[in-house]
Amino acid sequence: MKDKGDSKTGRLEDAIAGTDTSDCESMSDCSSLSDTMPDGHESNLYPPSMLSNFLRQTKGMKGLILEKHFPDMLLFVQSASHLIKHRATSDLTNPEIFRLKKHMGKARKQLNI
């Protein structure tokens, strides 16, 4: 029975070795997607407090013009995206995150991103 166990172990090792290369490939593919904002450039973003104040002040407003609050729309999209990714450390509620995503969509549409 040891022979059967050894052959199973060998197959498992082969399977693990096969998945290791695919994991590396998928990680390299994912890293190219995150090149929109290089590391260390987080200081070029709008501060999270500015975004949260904006969300609280404009709650329920219709016909909101984002350019009045955030002149650099691309920077707004990057800042909002960063804040959403790190929402665990922010003080935003789920409805505020939803509204921020909605504003991001409008900004992206205006920028044709």
N, C-alpha and C. Protein backbone atom coordinates (compact mmCIF):
# COMPACT_ATOMS: atom_id res chain seq x y z
N MET A 1 0.81 -1.19 0.00
CA MET A 1 0.00 0.00 0.00
C MET A 1 0.85 1.26 0.00
N LYS A 2 2.10 1.12 0.41
CA LYS A 2 2.96 2.29 0.41
C LYS A 2 3.19 2.80 -1.01
N ASP A 3 3.24 1.88 -1.98
CA ASP A 3 3.46 2.29 -3.35
C ASP A 3 2.31 3.16 -3.84
N LYS A 4 1.08 2.78 -3.49
CA LYS A 4 -0.07 3.60 -3.91
C LYS A 4 -0.04 4.96 -3.24
N GLY A 5 0.33 4.98 -1.98
CA GLY A 5 0.42 6.26 -1.27
C GLY A 5 1.49 7.14 -1.85
N ASP A 6 2.63 6.52 -2.22
CA ASP A 6 3.72 7.29 -2.81
C ASP A 6 3.31 7.85 -4.17
N SER A 7 2.57 7.08 -4.95
CA SER A 7 2.15 7.57 -6.25
C SER A 7 1.15 8.71 -6.11
N LYS A 8 0.30 8.65 -5.10
CA LYS A 8 -0.63 9.75 -4.85
C LYS A 8 0.13 10.99 -4.43
N THR A 9 1.14 10.80 -3.59
CA THR A 9 1.95 11.93 -3.16
C THR A 9 2.65 12.55 -4.35
N GLY A 10 3.15 11.71 -5.24
CA GLY A 10 3.82 12.21 -6.44
C GLY A 10 2.87 13.01 -7.31
N ARG A 11 1.64 12.52 -7.44
CA ARG A 11 0.65 13.24 -8.25
C ARG A 11 0.28 14.57 -7.61
N LEU A 12 0.18 14.58 -6.28
CA LEU A 12 -0.13 15.83 -5.59
C LEU A 12 1.00 16.83 -5.77
N GLU A 13 2.24 16.34 -5.68
CA GLU A 13 3.37 17.25 -5.87
C GLU A 13 3.37 17.80 -7.28
N ASP A 14 3.05 16.96 -8.27
CA ASP A 14 2.98 17.42 -9.65
C ASP A 14 1.87 18.45 -9.81
N ALA A 15 0.75 18.21 -9.18
CA ALA A 15 -0.37 19.14 -9.27
C ALA A 15 -0.01 20.47 -8.63
N ILE A 16 0.66 20.41 -7.48
CA ILE A 16 1.06 21.64 -6.81
C ILE A 16 2.08 22.39 -7.65
N ALA A 17 3.02 21.67 -8.22
CA ALA A 17 4.03 22.31 -9.08
C ALA A 17 3.36 22.96 -10.28
N GLY A 18 2.32 22.33 -10.81
CA GLY A 18 1.60 22.91 -11.94
C GLY A 18 0.86 24.17 -11.57
N THR A 19 0.31 24.23 -10.38
CA THR A 19 -0.43 25.42 -9.98
C THR A 19 0.49 26.55 -9.60
N ASP A 20 1.72 26.22 -9.15
CA ASP A 20 2.65 27.28 -8.79
C ASP A 20 2.97 28.17 -9.98
N THR A 21 3.18 27.59 -11.15
CA THR A 21 3.51 28.40 -12.32
C THR A 21 2.30 29.21 -12.76
N SER A 22 1.11 28.66 -12.66
CA SER A 22 -0.07 29.42 -13.07
C SER A 22 -0.33 30.57 -12.11
N ASP A 23 -0.03 30.36 -10.82
CA ASP A 23 -0.20 31.45 -9.86
C ASP A 23 0.74 32.59 -10.19
N CYS A 24 1.97 32.27 -10.55
CA CYS A 24 2.94 33.31 -10.88
C CYS A 24 2.49 34.08 -12.11
N GLU A 25 1.97 33.35 -13.10
CA GLU A 25 1.51 34.02 -14.31
C GLU A 25 0.34 34.94 -14.02
N SER A 26 -0.60 34.47 -13.21
CA SER A 26 -1.76 35.30 -12.93
C SER A 26 -1.38 36.50 -12.09
N MET A 27 -0.40 36.36 -11.22
CA MET A 27 0.03 37.50 -10.42
C MET A 27 0.71 38.54 -11.29
N SER A 28 1.49 38.11 -12.29
CA SER A 28 2.14 39.08 -13.16
C SER A 28 1.11 39.79 -14.02
N ASP A 29 0.05 39.09 -14.41
CA ASP A 29 -1.01 39.72 -15.17
C ASP A 29 -1.73 40.76 -14.34
N CYS A 30 -1.98 40.46 -13.08
CA CYS A 30 -2.69 41.38 -12.20
C CYS A 30 -1.86 42.60 -11.88
N SER A 31 -0.55 42.43 -11.78
CA SER A 31 0.28 43.57 -11.43
C SER A 31 0.27 44.62 -12.53
N SER A 32 0.08 44.21 -13.78
CA SER A 32 0.04 45.18 -14.86
C SER A 32 -1.25 45.99 -14.83
N LEU A 33 -2.29 45.48 -14.20
CA LEU A 33 -3.54 46.21 -14.10
C LEU A 33 -3.47 47.31 -13.05
N SER A 34 -2.59 47.18 -12.09
CA SER A 34 -2.53 48.16 -11.02
C SER A 34 -1.51 49.25 -11.30
N ASP A 35 -1.11 49.42 -12.56
CA ASP A 35 -0.12 50.43 -12.90
C ASP A 35 -0.74 51.81 -13.08
N THR A 36 -2.02 51.97 -12.83
CA THR A 36 -2.65 53.28 -13.00
C THR A 36 -2.14 54.28 -11.99
N MET A 37 -1.71 53.81 -10.81
CA MET A 37 -1.18 54.70 -9.79
C MET A 37 0.02 54.02 -9.15
N PRO A 38 1.23 54.43 -9.52
CA PRO A 38 2.42 53.79 -8.97
C PRO A 38 2.52 53.97 -7.46
N ASP A 39 3.26 53.06 -6.83
CA ASP A 39 3.46 53.14 -5.38
C ASP A 39 4.16 54.44 -5.02
N GLY A 40 3.77 55.01 -3.90
CA GLY A 40 4.40 56.23 -3.43
C GLY A 40 3.74 57.49 -3.94
N HIS A 41 2.75 57.37 -4.83
CA HIS A 41 2.09 58.55 -5.37
C HIS A 41 0.75 58.80 -4.71
N GLU A 42 0.53 58.22 -3.54
CA GLU A 42 -0.72 58.41 -2.84
C GLU A 42 -0.86 59.84 -2.32
N SER A 43 0.25 60.56 -2.21
CA SER A 43 0.19 61.93 -1.71
C SER A 43 -0.41 62.87 -2.76
N ASN A 44 -0.51 62.42 -4.01
CA ASN A 44 -1.09 63.24 -5.07
C ASN A 44 -2.60 63.10 -5.15
N LEU A 45 -3.20 62.41 -4.21
CA LEU A 45 -4.64 62.19 -4.20
C LEU A 45 -5.35 63.25 -3.38
N TYR A 46 -6.65 63.39 -3.64
CA TYR A 46 -7.46 64.22 -2.75
C TYR A 46 -7.51 63.52 -1.40
N PRO A 47 -7.46 64.26 -0.31
CA PRO A 47 -7.48 63.62 1.01
C PRO A 47 -8.83 62.94 1.27
N PRO A 48 -8.82 61.83 1.99
CA PRO A 48 -10.08 61.13 2.30
C PRO A 48 -11.09 62.01 3.02
N SER A 49 -10.61 62.92 3.86
CA SER A 49 -11.53 63.81 4.57
C SER A 49 -12.29 64.71 3.60
N MET A 50 -11.62 65.12 2.52
CA MET A 50 -12.28 65.96 1.51
C MET A 50 -13.38 65.18 0.81
N LEU A 51 -13.11 63.93 0.49
CA LEU A 51 -14.13 63.10 -0.17
C LEU A 51 -15.30 62.82 0.77
N SER A 52 -15.01 62.53 2.02
CA SER A 52 -16.11 62.23 2.96
C SER A 52 -16.93 63.49 3.25
N ASN A 53 -16.29 64.65 3.36
CA ASN A 53 -17.04 65.90 3.55
C ASN A 53 -17.92 66.19 2.33
N PHE A 54 -17.38 65.96 1.15
CA PHE A 54 -18.14 66.15 -0.08
C PHE A 54 -19.38 65.26 -0.08
N LEU A 55 -19.22 63.99 0.30
CA LEU A 55 -20.35 63.06 0.31
C LEU A 55 -21.41 63.48 1.33
N ARG A 56 -20.98 63.96 2.47
CA ARG A 56 -21.94 64.36 3.51
C ARG A 56 -22.65 65.67 3.15
N GLN A 57 -21.94 66.61 2.52
CA GLN A 57 -22.54 67.90 2.17
C GLN A 57 -23.48 67.79 0.98
N THR A 58 -23.21 66.86 0.08
CA THR A 58 -24.01 66.77 -1.14
C THR A 58 -25.04 65.65 -1.10
N LYS A 59 -25.28 65.09 0.06
CA LYS A 59 -26.24 64.00 0.18
C LYS A 59 -27.63 64.48 -0.24
N GLY A 60 -28.24 63.76 -1.18
CA GLY A 60 -29.58 64.08 -1.63
C GLY A 60 -29.65 65.16 -2.70
N MET A 61 -28.53 65.76 -3.06
CA MET A 61 -28.54 66.81 -4.09
C MET A 61 -28.69 66.19 -5.47
N LYS A 62 -29.45 66.86 -6.31
CA LYS A 62 -29.61 66.42 -7.69
C LYS A 62 -28.94 67.43 -8.61
N GLY A 63 -28.51 66.97 -9.75
CA GLY A 63 -27.86 67.84 -10.71
C GLY A 63 -26.51 68.34 -10.23
N LEU A 64 -25.83 67.52 -9.48
CA LEU A 64 -24.54 67.88 -8.90
C LEU A 64 -23.47 67.96 -9.99
N ILE A 65 -22.69 69.04 -9.97
CA ILE A 65 -21.60 69.20 -10.93
C ILE A 65 -20.29 68.93 -10.19
N LEU A 66 -19.67 67.81 -10.50
CA LEU A 66 -18.46 67.39 -9.80
C LEU A 66 -17.29 68.36 -9.97
N GLU A 67 -17.21 69.02 -11.14
CA GLU A 67 -16.09 69.91 -11.41
C GLU A 67 -16.03 71.09 -10.43
N LYS A 68 -17.16 71.46 -9.86
CA LYS A 68 -17.17 72.55 -8.88
C LYS A 68 -16.45 72.13 -7.60
N HIS A 69 -16.54 70.87 -7.26
CA HIS A 69 -15.93 70.37 -6.04
C HIS A 69 -14.54 69.79 -6.28
N PHE A 70 -14.36 69.17 -7.44
CA PHE A 70 -13.09 68.51 -7.78
C PHE A 70 -12.71 68.91 -9.20
N PRO A 71 -11.90 69.95 -9.35
CA PRO A 71 -11.53 70.42 -10.70
C PRO A 71 -10.79 69.38 -11.53
N ASP A 72 -9.98 68.55 -10.90
CA ASP A 72 -9.24 67.51 -11.61
C ASP A 72 -10.02 66.21 -11.52
N MET A 73 -10.77 65.90 -12.57
CA MET A 73 -11.65 64.74 -12.54
C MET A 73 -10.88 63.42 -12.49
N LEU A 74 -9.76 63.34 -13.19
CA LEU A 74 -8.96 62.12 -13.16
C LEU A 74 -8.42 61.87 -11.76
N LEU A 75 -7.98 62.92 -11.10
CA LEU A 75 -7.50 62.79 -9.73
C LEU A 75 -8.63 62.38 -8.79
N PHE A 76 -9.84 62.87 -9.05
CA PHE A 76 -11.00 62.46 -8.27
C PHE A 76 -11.25 60.96 -8.42
N VAL A 77 -11.20 60.47 -9.65
CA VAL A 77 -11.43 59.04 -9.90
C VAL A 77 -10.37 58.20 -9.20
N GLN A 78 -9.11 58.62 -9.29
CA GLN A 78 -8.03 57.88 -8.64
C GLN A 78 -8.18 57.91 -7.12
N SER A 79 -8.54 59.07 -6.58
CA SER A 79 -8.70 59.21 -5.13
C SER A 79 -9.86 58.38 -4.63
N ALA A 80 -10.97 58.43 -5.35
CA ALA A 80 -12.14 57.66 -4.95
C ALA A 80 -11.87 56.17 -5.04
N SER A 81 -11.19 55.76 -6.09
CA SER A 81 -10.85 54.35 -6.25
C SER A 81 -9.94 53.88 -5.11
N HIS A 82 -8.97 54.69 -4.75
CA HIS A 82 -8.07 54.34 -3.65
C HIS A 82 -8.85 54.24 -2.34
N LEU A 83 -9.76 55.18 -2.12
CA LEU A 83 -10.54 55.17 -0.88
C LEU A 83 -11.45 53.95 -0.81
N ILE A 84 -12.02 53.57 -1.94
CA ILE A 84 -12.90 52.40 -1.97
C ILE A 84 -12.09 51.12 -1.71
N LYS A 85 -10.90 51.04 -2.28
CA LYS A 85 -10.06 49.87 -2.04
C LYS A 85 -9.67 49.75 -0.58
N HIS A 86 -9.48 50.88 0.08
CA HIS A 86 -9.06 50.90 1.48
C HIS A 86 -10.21 51.35 2.38
N ARG A 87 -11.41 50.91 2.06
CA ARG A 87 -12.59 51.35 2.80
C ARG A 87 -12.59 50.89 4.25
N ALA A 88 -11.85 49.84 4.55
CA ALA A 88 -11.81 49.35 5.93
C ALA A 88 -11.18 50.37 6.87
N THR A 89 -10.25 51.16 6.35
CA THR A 89 -9.59 52.16 7.18
C THR A 89 -10.31 53.51 7.13
N SER A 90 -11.30 53.64 6.26
CA SER A 90 -12.03 54.91 6.17
C SER A 90 -13.24 54.87 7.08
N ASP A 91 -13.83 56.02 7.28
CA ASP A 91 -15.02 56.10 8.13
C ASP A 91 -16.29 56.20 7.29
N LEU A 92 -16.22 55.80 6.03
CA LEU A 92 -17.38 55.89 5.14
C LEU A 92 -18.34 54.74 5.40
N THR A 93 -19.63 55.07 5.33
CA THR A 93 -20.66 54.05 5.48
C THR A 93 -20.89 53.38 4.12
N ASN A 94 -21.61 52.28 4.12
CA ASN A 94 -21.91 51.59 2.86
C ASN A 94 -22.69 52.46 1.88
N PRO A 95 -23.70 53.23 2.33
CA PRO A 95 -24.38 54.12 1.39
C PRO A 95 -23.45 55.20 0.81
N GLU A 96 -22.50 55.68 1.61
CA GLU A 96 -21.56 56.67 1.10
C GLU A 96 -20.61 56.05 0.07
N ILE A 97 -20.19 54.82 0.31
CA ILE A 97 -19.36 54.10 -0.67
C ILE A 97 -20.14 53.93 -1.97
N PHE A 98 -21.42 53.59 -1.86
CA PHE A 98 -22.27 53.42 -3.04
C PHE A 98 -22.36 54.73 -3.83
N ARG A 99 -22.59 55.84 -3.12
CA ARG A 99 -22.68 57.14 -3.80
C ARG A 99 -21.36 57.55 -4.42
N LEU A 100 -20.26 57.22 -3.75
CA LEU A 100 -18.95 57.54 -4.29
C LEU A 100 -18.71 56.75 -5.58
N LYS A 101 -19.10 55.49 -5.60
CA LYS A 101 -18.98 54.69 -6.82
C LYS A 101 -19.84 55.28 -7.94
N LYS A 102 -21.00 55.78 -7.58
CA LYS A 102 -21.90 56.38 -8.57
C LYS A 102 -21.27 57.64 -9.16
N HIS A 103 -20.68 58.48 -8.30
CA HIS A 103 -20.00 59.69 -8.78
C HIS A 103 -18.78 59.33 -9.63
N MET A 104 -18.09 58.26 -9.25
CA MET A 104 -16.94 57.81 -10.04
C MET A 104 -17.39 57.40 -11.44
N GLY A 105 -18.50 56.72 -11.53
CA GLY A 105 -19.02 56.31 -12.83
C GLY A 105 -19.34 57.50 -13.72
N LYS A 106 -19.94 58.53 -13.13
CA LYS A 106 -20.24 59.74 -13.90
C LYS A 106 -18.96 60.43 -14.35
N ALA A 107 -17.97 60.48 -13.47
CA ALA A 107 -16.70 61.11 -13.81
C ALA A 107 -15.99 60.34 -14.92
N ARG A 108 -16.01 59.02 -14.83
CA ARG A 108 -15.39 58.20 -15.87
C ARG A 108 -16.09 58.39 -17.21
N LYS A 109 -17.39 58.52 -17.17
CA LYS A 109 -18.15 58.72 -18.40
C LYS A 109 -17.77 60.06 -19.04
N GLN A 110 -17.60 61.09 -18.21
CA GLN A 110 -17.19 62.40 -18.73
C GLN A 110 -15.77 62.36 -19.29
N LEU A 111 -14.91 61.57 -18.66
CA LEU A 111 -13.51 61.47 -19.10
C LEU A 111 -13.32 60.44 -20.20
N ASN A 112 -14.36 59.69 -20.52
CA ASN A 112 -14.30 58.60 -21.51
C ASN A 112 -13.25 57.56 -21.13
N ILE A 113 -13.25 57.18 -19.86
CA ILE A 113 -12.30 56.15 -19.38
C ILE A 113 -12.96 54.80 -19.48
